[in-house]
Every structure is written in structure tokens, then in C-alpha cells.
Protein backbone atom coordinates (compact mmCIF):
# COMPACT_ATOMS: atom_id res chain seq x y z
CA MET A 1 3.45 -61.37 27.83
CA LYS A 2 5.00 -58.84 30.14
CA ASN A 3 7.92 -58.47 27.80
CA TYR A 4 5.55 -57.69 24.91
CA GLU A 5 3.72 -55.00 26.92
CA THR A 6 7.02 -53.38 27.86
CA HIS A 7 8.06 -53.44 24.21
CA LEU A 8 4.76 -51.71 23.20
CA LYS A 9 5.19 -49.04 25.87
CA ILE A 10 8.74 -48.32 24.74
CA ARG A 11 7.67 -48.24 21.10
CA ASN A 12 4.76 -45.88 21.81
CA THR A 13 6.98 -43.62 23.89
CA LEU A 14 9.57 -43.48 21.11
CA LEU A 15 6.86 -42.68 18.53
CA ILE A 16 5.55 -39.84 20.69
CA ILE A 17 9.07 -38.45 21.16
CA LEU A 18 9.74 -38.70 17.42
CA PHE A 19 6.42 -37.02 16.66
CA LEU A 20 7.22 -34.16 19.04
CA ILE A 21 10.72 -33.75 17.59
CA LEU A 22 9.26 -33.49 14.09
CA LEU A 23 6.63 -30.95 15.17
CA LEU A 24 8.98 -28.77 17.22
CA PRO A 25 10.36 -26.81 14.22
CA LEU A 26 6.82 -26.01 13.12
CA PHE A 27 5.97 -24.44 16.46
CA THR A 28 9.15 -22.42 16.67
CA GLY A 29 8.73 -21.17 13.10
CA CYS A 30 5.39 -19.62 13.95
CA SER A 31 6.72 -17.83 16.98
CA THR A 32 9.67 -16.23 15.21
CA VAL A 33 9.21 -12.48 14.84
CA VAL A 34 10.44 -11.03 11.58
CA PRO A 35 10.53 -7.25 11.43
CA VAL A 36 8.50 -6.02 8.47
CA THR A 37 8.71 -2.39 7.47
CA ALA A 38 5.89 -1.18 5.30
CA LYS A 39 6.77 1.48 2.76
CA PHE A 40 4.15 4.01 1.73
CA PRO A 41 3.71 3.87 -2.07
CA GLU A 42 5.11 6.53 -4.37
CA VAL A 43 2.80 8.99 -6.10
CA PRO A 44 2.32 8.19 -9.81
CA GLU A 45 4.42 10.45 -12.04
CA ARG A 46 1.41 11.67 -14.03
CA LEU A 47 -0.01 13.18 -10.83
CA LEU A 48 3.21 15.03 -9.98
CA VAL A 49 3.11 17.37 -12.99
CA LYS A 50 2.80 21.00 -11.91
CA CYS A 51 -0.14 23.03 -13.07
CA PRO A 52 0.67 25.50 -15.86
CA GLN A 53 0.66 29.24 -15.22
CA LEU A 54 -2.50 31.06 -16.15
CA GLU A 55 -2.31 33.43 -19.11
CA LYS A 56 -2.12 37.16 -18.49
CA LEU A 57 -3.77 39.91 -20.46
CA ALA A 58 -1.84 42.45 -22.45
CA ASN A 59 -2.12 46.07 -21.34
CA GLU A 60 -4.34 47.04 -24.23
CA ALA A 61 -6.41 43.89 -24.72
CA LYS A 62 -9.52 43.77 -26.86
CA LEU A 63 -12.74 42.32 -25.53
CA SER A 64 -12.28 39.25 -27.74
CA ASP A 65 -8.79 38.72 -26.28
CA ILE A 66 -10.18 39.04 -22.76
CA SER A 67 -12.89 36.44 -23.35
CA LYS A 68 -10.38 34.13 -25.05
CA THR A 69 -7.91 34.43 -22.14
CA VAL A 70 -10.67 33.91 -19.57
CA THR A 71 -11.82 30.77 -21.39
CA ILE A 72 -8.27 29.39 -21.60
CA ASN A 73 -7.60 30.18 -17.93
CA TYR A 74 -10.93 28.66 -16.89
CA THR A 75 -10.08 25.44 -18.74
CA THR A 76 -6.52 25.37 -17.37
CA TYR A 77 -7.74 25.90 -13.80
CA TYR A 78 -10.32 23.11 -13.94
CA GLU A 79 -7.89 20.67 -15.58
CA CYS A 80 -5.51 21.37 -12.71
CA ALA A 81 -8.33 20.96 -10.18
CA VAL A 82 -9.10 17.52 -11.62
CA LYS A 83 -5.43 16.52 -11.20
CA HIS A 84 -5.41 17.81 -7.64
CA ASP A 85 -8.59 15.92 -6.82
CA ALA A 86 -7.01 12.76 -8.27
CA ILE A 87 -3.97 13.20 -6.00
CA VAL A 88 -6.19 13.68 -2.95
CA GLU A 89 -8.31 10.63 -3.82
CA TRP A 90 -5.20 8.50 -4.54
CA TYR A 91 -3.62 9.55 -1.25
CA LYS A 92 -6.73 8.73 0.80
CA ILE A 93 -7.10 5.30 -0.81
CA GLN A 94 -3.42 4.46 -0.35
CA LYS A 95 -3.45 5.74 3.25
CA ASP A 96 -6.48 3.55 4.08
CA ILE A 97 -4.79 0.49 2.56
CA PHE A 98 -1.52 1.29 4.34
CA ASP A 99 -3.28 1.69 7.69
CA LYS A 100 -5.28 -1.56 7.27
CA VAL A 101 -2.18 -3.55 6.40
CA GLY A 102 -0.27 -2.08 9.35
CA LYS A 103 -2.80 -3.36 11.90
């Protein structure tokens, strides 16, 4: 009977050692530090287009030419403002995501 108890103790000890040997790589894998460098995303190409120059009046412009030029410049300015606002909004969103991921 004593021999059987000794055999069980040895077997249980060997099983525990085997179990620990199998689990050891799992514990060391979690503690390994891998350097991760986050890269801030690139700005979309459609947002990098420069705003066009505003039109200038001729020296002797008629009133109709002035109102036409003002209308064109007004439209050009606000189209550019929309693009600029899109860049600002895109940057803020990307910066928030970048900061959250970095923590």
C-alpha cells in the first residue's frame, strides 16, 4: 500500500511539473515587451489642394464686371473655407484617435 501511495505522489508531482512546463511559455509571452511605434496618418490628397487665387478687377471695370468678380471671389473663398474646415475637423478626429491609442 505504501508503494502505491509513493507512486501516486510521484505521478502527481510529475503532472504538476509537466503542467508548469507547458504553461511557462504562455507567461513569458505576455511579459515580452515589443516596441510599437504609432504613425500619425497622412492627410488625404483631396484636402491638400491649394486654394485658387481670387480674381482681380481690371483698371476700368464696369459695374457688371465688379459684381461678377465679387460673386466669383465670394464663391471661391467659401469653397476654400469648407476645405480648410474639413482639414481642421479631420486633424482633430485623427489626433483624438491617435492619442487614445497611444495610452
